[in-house]
Amino acid sequence: MADAEKPQCKVILANNIAKTLLEEVHTGLQKISHKPKLVGFLSSTDPAARVYAEWTRKTCTENGFDFELREIDREALEDAILDANVSPDVDGILVYYPIFGSGQDQYLQQLVSIDKDVEGLSHQYISNMYHNIRFLDEHQTKKSILPCTPLAVLKILEYLRIYNMILPYGNRLHGRTITVINRSEVVGRPLAALLANDGASVYSVDISDVQLFTRGGGLRKRRHDVHEKPGWTLKDCLPISDVVISGVPGDKYKVPIELLKEGAVCINFSSEKNFAPEVKEKASIYVPSIGKVTIVVLLRNLLVSGVIHGVEVGD
């Protein structure tokens, strides 16, 4: 096939996707009587965390939200979070991770009041997510919010029409095979669970092994199961995956393009470029970054959190 006849990879920028979500946010904002205030705590030395903080500030101020960045020594962060939990002028709390890079970070996540947790990292939110429970109450009046970055990836997949909108809600990834390269507790594992809960077969790839997240046979099972795949590597996963989502933090890591399925959809959520430019010769759609979508999801989570009642901002 001549070069002019080859299918062209479509590069989708996060900013374009974020604009569609901002319309939902603006509609929700009109239903409340005050300007919501989000407080971000920056104790991380990771340069990507500061970039994320500046993006958050810009998006908040441009879209009718108050944002305050508090730069706190990590040893003082615990007390600062507890103070913000009880502060009446703080509607949402965001902490820029990693900080200690250990179980201490998980402890800090649980300190944030569930009513002010816009990241969806509180124990109740995480438990509901893994068990595919979508509300906090039996009357289904208060939504259980989802972690920001995994939810941002889901919203991108919806925008790209990877979700089959003909199928009932909750089954719209049925028949899709997806590889997620990252199994962190903040992004990779929750993302694999969410995709599997929506019906996909998800290969979760970590540095040492591969796990298969699947909801089981058919469309009826409610939540996912996890199966070990002994001996499996990317050589087994990538050639059969319709979608490849990578979030490896190292600047040296590249997804092996030669293993990709022809026409795969490729999404990078790392602060580094996990896909070499040659990905556009193999992929049908490439999303090089998702940060701006993640920040809009933060605002969306703020509007549906326990502080601001009665606001409906989509699914």
Protein backbone atom coordinates (compact mmCIF):
# COMPACT_ATOMS: atom_id res chain seq x y z
CA MET A 1 0.00 0.00 0.00
CA ALA A 2 1.37 3.41 -0.90
CA ASP A 3 2.04 5.81 1.96
CA ALA A 4 -0.83 8.06 0.84
CA GLU A 5 -3.24 5.12 1.17
CA LYS A 6 -2.17 4.03 4.65
CA PRO A 7 -4.68 4.66 7.42
CA GLN A 8 -3.67 7.77 9.36
CA CYS A 9 -3.32 7.71 13.13
CA LYS A 10 -5.51 10.34 14.76
CA VAL A 11 -3.77 12.19 17.61
CA ILE A 12 -6.33 13.37 20.19
CA LEU A 13 -5.24 16.11 22.60
CA ALA A 14 -6.45 16.13 26.19
CA ASN A 15 -7.51 19.75 25.94
CA ASN A 16 -10.17 18.92 23.34
CA ILE A 17 -11.61 16.15 25.52
CA ALA A 18 -11.53 18.37 28.60
CA LYS A 19 -13.69 20.98 26.86
CA THR A 20 -16.60 18.55 26.54
CA LEU A 21 -16.42 17.68 30.26
CA LEU A 22 -16.19 21.35 31.22
CA GLU A 23 -19.66 21.87 29.76
CA GLU A 24 -21.01 19.43 32.37
CA VAL A 25 -19.06 21.21 35.10
CA HIS A 26 -20.36 24.64 34.11
CA THR A 27 -23.94 23.35 34.17
CA GLY A 28 -23.42 21.92 37.65
CA LEU A 29 -21.76 25.10 38.90
CA GLN A 30 -24.83 27.14 37.95
CA LYS A 31 -26.93 25.06 40.37
CA ILE A 32 -25.06 26.12 43.50
CA SER A 33 -25.01 29.44 45.29
CA HIS A 34 -21.33 29.83 46.16
CA LYS A 35 -17.94 29.52 44.53
CA PRO A 36 -16.45 26.14 45.58
CA LYS A 37 -12.98 26.24 47.09
CA LEU A 38 -10.42 23.55 46.40
CA VAL A 39 -7.24 23.41 48.49
CA GLY A 40 -4.20 21.64 47.07
CA PHE A 41 -1.38 20.44 49.33
CA LEU A 42 2.05 20.30 47.71
CA SER A 43 4.68 18.45 49.74
CA SER A 44 6.14 16.42 46.91
CA THR A 45 9.50 17.16 45.31
CA ASP A 46 8.35 15.52 42.07
CA PRO A 47 8.46 18.20 39.30
CA ALA A 48 5.38 16.64 37.71
CA ALA A 49 3.43 17.36 40.91
CA ARG A 50 4.17 21.07 40.64
CA VAL A 51 3.13 21.12 36.99
CA TYR A 52 -0.09 19.37 37.96
CA ALA A 53 -0.64 21.95 40.70
CA GLU A 54 -0.24 24.84 38.28
CA TRP A 55 -2.61 23.22 35.80
CA THR A 56 -5.12 22.81 38.63
CA ARG A 57 -4.83 26.49 39.58
CA LYS A 58 -5.29 27.62 35.98
CA THR A 59 -8.29 25.37 35.33
CA CYS A 60 -9.98 26.36 38.60
CA THR A 61 -9.59 30.10 38.16
CA GLU A 62 -10.70 29.97 34.52
CA ASN A 63 -13.87 28.05 35.36
CA GLY A 64 -15.36 29.71 38.42
CA PHE A 65 -13.68 27.83 41.27
CA ASP A 66 -11.42 29.12 44.04
CA PHE A 67 -8.07 27.35 44.35
CA GLU A 68 -5.45 27.71 47.06
CA LEU A 69 -2.11 25.93 46.86
CA ARG A 70 -0.57 25.26 50.27
CA GLU A 71 3.07 24.23 50.15
CA ILE A 72 3.64 22.22 53.32
CA ASP A 73 6.66 20.34 54.62
CA ARG A 74 5.74 16.69 54.44
CA GLU A 75 6.24 16.21 58.18
CA ALA A 76 3.55 18.86 58.81
CA LEU A 77 1.13 17.60 56.17
CA GLU A 78 -0.89 15.36 58.49
CA ASP A 79 -1.92 18.25 60.73
CA ALA A 80 -2.58 20.49 57.74
CA ILE A 81 -5.00 17.95 56.26
CA LEU A 82 -6.81 17.54 59.58
CA ASP A 83 -7.21 21.33 59.84
CA ALA A 84 -8.63 21.53 56.31
CA ASN A 85 -11.07 18.72 57.09
CA VAL A 86 -12.85 20.90 59.67
CA SER A 87 -12.39 24.27 57.94
CA PRO A 88 -15.84 25.55 56.81
CA ASP A 89 -14.39 27.50 53.87
CA VAL A 90 -12.73 24.43 52.28
CA ASP A 91 -15.00 22.39 50.01
CA GLY A 92 -12.43 20.00 48.55
CA ILE A 93 -8.95 18.71 49.40
CA LEU A 94 -6.33 17.56 46.92
CA VAL A 95 -2.92 16.15 47.87
CA TYR A 96 -0.20 15.87 45.23
CA TYR A 97 1.42 12.44 45.47
CA PRO A 98 3.93 10.81 45.77
CA ILE A 99 5.19 12.26 49.06
CA PHE A 100 6.81 9.53 51.11
CA GLY A 101 6.37 6.95 48.36
CA SER A 102 5.33 4.25 50.82
CA GLY A 103 2.49 3.10 53.02
CA GLN A 104 2.66 6.54 54.61
CA ASP A 105 1.05 7.97 51.47
CA GLN A 106 -1.85 5.53 51.85
CA TYR A 107 -2.24 6.65 55.45
CA LEU A 108 -2.46 10.28 54.33
CA GLN A 109 -5.10 9.37 51.75
CA GLN A 110 -7.30 8.01 54.52
CA LEU A 111 -6.91 11.18 56.59
CA VAL A 112 -8.86 13.28 54.08
CA SER A 113 -12.53 13.57 55.06
CA ILE A 114 -14.76 11.61 52.67
CA ASP A 115 -16.89 14.75 52.30
CA LYS A 116 -13.87 16.69 50.99
CA ASP A 117 -12.08 13.93 49.10
CA VAL A 118 -12.16 14.99 45.44
CA GLU A 119 -9.57 12.36 44.50
CA GLY A 120 -11.79 9.41 45.42
CA LEU A 121 -9.06 7.78 47.53
CA SER A 122 -10.92 7.39 50.83
CA HIS A 123 -11.44 3.81 51.97
CA GLN A 124 -15.21 3.86 51.33
CA TYR A 125 -14.76 5.20 47.81
CA ILE A 126 -12.05 2.66 47.00
CA SER A 127 -14.07 -0.22 48.44
CA ASN A 128 -17.15 0.81 46.47
CA MET A 129 -15.10 1.09 43.30
CA TYR A 130 -13.65 -2.40 43.59
CA HIS A 131 -17.06 -3.89 44.40
CA ASN A 132 -18.75 -1.91 41.61
CA ILE A 133 -21.03 -0.05 44.03
CA ARG A 134 -21.92 3.30 42.51
CA PHE A 135 -23.69 5.06 45.38
CA LEU A 136 -22.91 5.74 49.06
CA ASP A 137 -26.52 5.27 50.24
CA GLU A 138 -29.22 2.68 49.64
CA HIS A 139 -31.59 5.27 48.16
CA GLN A 140 -28.97 6.13 45.51
CA THR A 141 -29.03 9.86 46.16
CA LYS A 142 -25.30 10.32 46.83
CA LYS A 143 -22.82 9.15 44.23
CA SER A 144 -19.62 7.36 45.17
CA ILE A 145 -16.92 9.29 43.35
CA LEU A 146 -14.09 7.58 41.51
CA PRO A 147 -10.32 8.25 41.60
CA CYS A 148 -9.49 11.14 39.28
CA THR A 149 -6.89 9.71 36.92
CA PRO A 150 -8.65 6.36 36.34
CA LEU A 151 -11.93 8.21 35.81
CA ALA A 152 -10.21 10.57 33.38
CA VAL A 153 -9.09 7.56 31.32
CA LEU A 154 -12.67 6.23 31.32
CA LYS A 155 -13.97 9.59 30.13
CA ILE A 156 -11.37 9.59 27.34
CA LEU A 157 -12.48 6.11 26.25
CA GLU A 158 -16.08 7.34 26.19
CA TYR A 159 -15.05 10.33 24.09
CA LEU A 160 -13.24 8.01 21.67
CA ARG A 161 -16.36 5.82 21.39
CA ILE A 162 -14.50 2.79 22.70
CA TYR A 163 -17.53 2.29 24.92
CA ASN A 164 -20.40 0.62 23.06
CA MET A 165 -23.29 2.95 23.86
CA ILE A 166 -25.85 0.47 22.49
CA LEU A 167 -25.18 -1.86 25.42
CA PRO A 168 -26.68 -1.12 28.87
CA TYR A 169 -24.75 1.12 31.24
CA GLY A 170 -22.11 -0.97 33.02
CA ASN A 171 -21.63 -3.42 30.15
CA ARG A 172 -20.32 -1.06 27.51
CA LEU A 173 -16.78 -2.46 27.31
CA HIS A 174 -18.01 -6.03 26.86
CA GLY A 175 -15.81 -7.77 24.28
CA ARG A 176 -12.93 -5.27 24.53
CA THR A 177 -9.40 -6.41 25.41
CA ILE A 178 -7.26 -3.78 27.14
CA THR A 179 -3.71 -3.73 28.50
CA VAL A 180 -2.84 -1.37 31.37
CA ILE A 181 0.91 -0.99 31.95
CA ASN A 182 1.03 0.16 35.58
CA ARG A 183 -0.42 -1.42 38.72
CA SER A 184 -0.03 1.34 41.27
CA GLU A 185 -2.66 1.51 44.00
CA VAL A 186 -3.53 5.09 42.99
CA VAL A 187 -4.00 4.61 39.24
CA GLY A 188 -3.13 1.31 37.58
CA ARG A 189 -4.99 -1.19 39.76
CA PRO A 190 -8.15 0.96 40.15
CA LEU A 191 -8.18 1.57 36.40
CA ALA A 192 -7.97 -2.14 35.60
CA ALA A 193 -10.82 -2.81 38.04
CA LEU A 194 -13.04 -0.09 36.58
CA LEU A 195 -12.49 -1.29 33.03
CA ALA A 196 -13.20 -4.90 34.02
CA ASN A 197 -16.32 -3.85 35.94
CA ASP A 198 -17.57 -2.31 32.69
CA GLY A 199 -17.07 -5.63 30.89
CA ALA A 200 -13.54 -5.50 29.43
CA SER A 201 -10.86 -8.17 29.70
CA VAL A 202 -7.93 -6.24 31.18
CA TYR A 203 -4.31 -7.35 31.30
CA SER A 204 -2.67 -5.51 34.20
CA VAL A 205 1.09 -5.44 33.63
CA ASP A 206 3.52 -4.79 36.46
CA ILE A 207 7.31 -4.98 36.49
CA SER A 208 7.22 -8.59 37.64
CA ASP A 209 4.02 -10.18 36.35
CA VAL A 210 0.72 -9.99 34.47
CA GLN A 211 -2.76 -10.30 35.96
CA LEU A 212 -6.05 -10.63 34.11
CA PHE A 213 -8.95 -8.57 35.46
CA THR A 214 -12.26 -9.85 34.13
CA ARG A 215 -15.85 -9.81 35.23
CA GLY A 216 -16.32 -13.42 34.14
CA GLY A 217 -18.54 -14.89 31.47
CA GLY A 218 -21.42 -12.97 29.96
CA LEU A 219 -22.93 -9.65 30.97
CA ARG A 220 -24.49 -10.43 34.35
CA LYS A 221 -21.67 -10.62 36.86
CA ARG A 222 -21.41 -7.45 38.91
CA ARG A 223 -17.75 -7.15 39.86
CA HIS A 224 -14.39 -8.29 38.57
CA ASP A 225 -12.13 -11.22 39.40
CA VAL A 226 -8.32 -11.24 39.21
CA HIS A 227 -6.39 -14.15 37.69
CA GLU A 228 -2.64 -14.61 37.70
CA LYS A 229 -1.05 -15.20 34.27
CA PRO A 230 2.18 -17.08 35.04
CA GLY A 231 4.87 -16.57 32.45
CA TRP A 232 2.96 -13.86 30.57
CA THR A 233 4.66 -10.67 29.43
CA LEU A 234 3.83 -7.80 27.10
CA LYS A 235 4.61 -10.17 24.22
CA ASP A 236 1.44 -12.03 25.12
CA CYS A 237 -0.78 -9.05 25.95
CA LEU A 238 -0.09 -6.37 23.37
CA PRO A 239 -0.80 -8.32 20.15
CA ILE A 240 -4.35 -9.11 21.35
CA SER A 241 -5.22 -5.74 22.91
CA ASP A 242 -7.61 -3.27 21.29
CA VAL A 243 -6.50 -0.56 23.72
CA VAL A 244 -3.11 -0.04 25.39
CA ILE A 245 -2.90 2.36 28.35
CA SER A 246 0.54 3.09 29.79
CA GLY A 247 1.65 4.98 32.90
CA VAL A 248 5.24 4.01 33.64
CA PRO A 249 6.95 6.94 35.44
CA GLY A 250 10.49 6.29 34.18
CA ASP A 251 11.79 8.47 31.36
CA LYS A 252 13.59 5.52 29.74
CA TYR A 253 10.55 3.26 29.34
CA LYS A 254 8.91 2.84 25.92
CA VAL A 255 6.06 0.53 24.97
CA PRO A 256 7.41 -1.88 22.32
CA ILE A 257 5.66 -0.61 19.20
CA GLU A 258 6.38 -3.79 17.23
CA LEU A 259 4.14 -5.76 19.60
CA LEU A 260 1.09 -3.53 19.21
CA LYS A 261 -1.98 -4.82 17.44
CA GLU A 262 -2.52 -3.04 14.14
CA GLY A 263 -4.97 -0.19 14.72
CA ALA A 264 -4.77 -0.27 18.53
CA VAL A 265 -5.84 2.76 20.56
CA CYS A 266 -2.90 4.01 22.67
CA ILE A 267 -3.23 6.28 25.71
CA ASN A 268 -0.35 7.63 27.82
CA PHE A 269 -1.06 8.77 31.39
CA SER A 270 2.57 8.97 32.51
CA SER A 271 4.24 12.35 32.97
CA GLU A 272 6.87 10.85 30.64
CA LYS A 273 6.34 9.80 27.03
CA ASN A 274 5.79 6.03 27.20
CA PHE A 275 5.15 5.79 23.46
CA ALA A 276 7.80 6.65 20.88
CA PRO A 277 6.71 8.83 17.92
CA GLU A 278 6.59 5.66 15.78
CA VAL A 279 3.40 4.68 17.61
CA LYS A 280 1.54 6.75 15.02
CA GLU A 281 2.61 4.25 12.35
CA LYS A 282 0.78 1.42 14.16
CA ALA A 283 -2.02 2.93 16.25
CA SER A 284 -5.36 4.18 14.95
CA ILE A 285 -5.76 6.69 17.80
CA TYR A 286 -3.08 8.10 20.10
CA VAL A 287 -3.69 10.23 23.20
CA PRO A 288 -0.25 11.50 24.32
CA SER A 289 -1.30 12.89 27.73
CA ILE A 290 -4.38 13.11 29.94
CA GLY A 291 -3.47 15.68 32.62
CA LYS A 292 -5.96 18.35 31.57
CA VAL A 293 -8.80 15.83 31.57
CA THR A 294 -7.79 14.68 35.07
CA ILE A 295 -8.06 18.24 36.39
CA VAL A 296 -11.55 18.71 34.96
CA VAL A 297 -12.53 15.41 36.58
CA LEU A 298 -11.29 16.89 39.88
CA LEU A 299 -13.72 19.77 39.48
CA ARG A 300 -16.46 17.36 38.50
CA ASN A 301 -15.79 15.27 41.62
CA LEU A 302 -15.92 18.42 43.74
CA LEU A 303 -19.41 19.16 42.43
CA VAL A 304 -20.71 15.67 43.21
CA SER A 305 -18.93 15.35 46.58
CA GLY A 306 -20.72 15.35 49.90
CA VAL A 307 -20.14 19.08 50.46
CA ILE A 308 -22.23 20.26 47.54
CA HIS A 309 -25.60 18.53 47.52
CA GLY A 310 -28.14 18.03 44.78
CA VAL A 311 -25.87 18.62 41.81
CA GLU A 312 -26.10 16.14 38.93
CA VAL A 313 -23.00 16.04 36.71
CA GLY A 314 -23.40 13.01 34.46
CA ASP A 315 -22.31 9.43 35.16
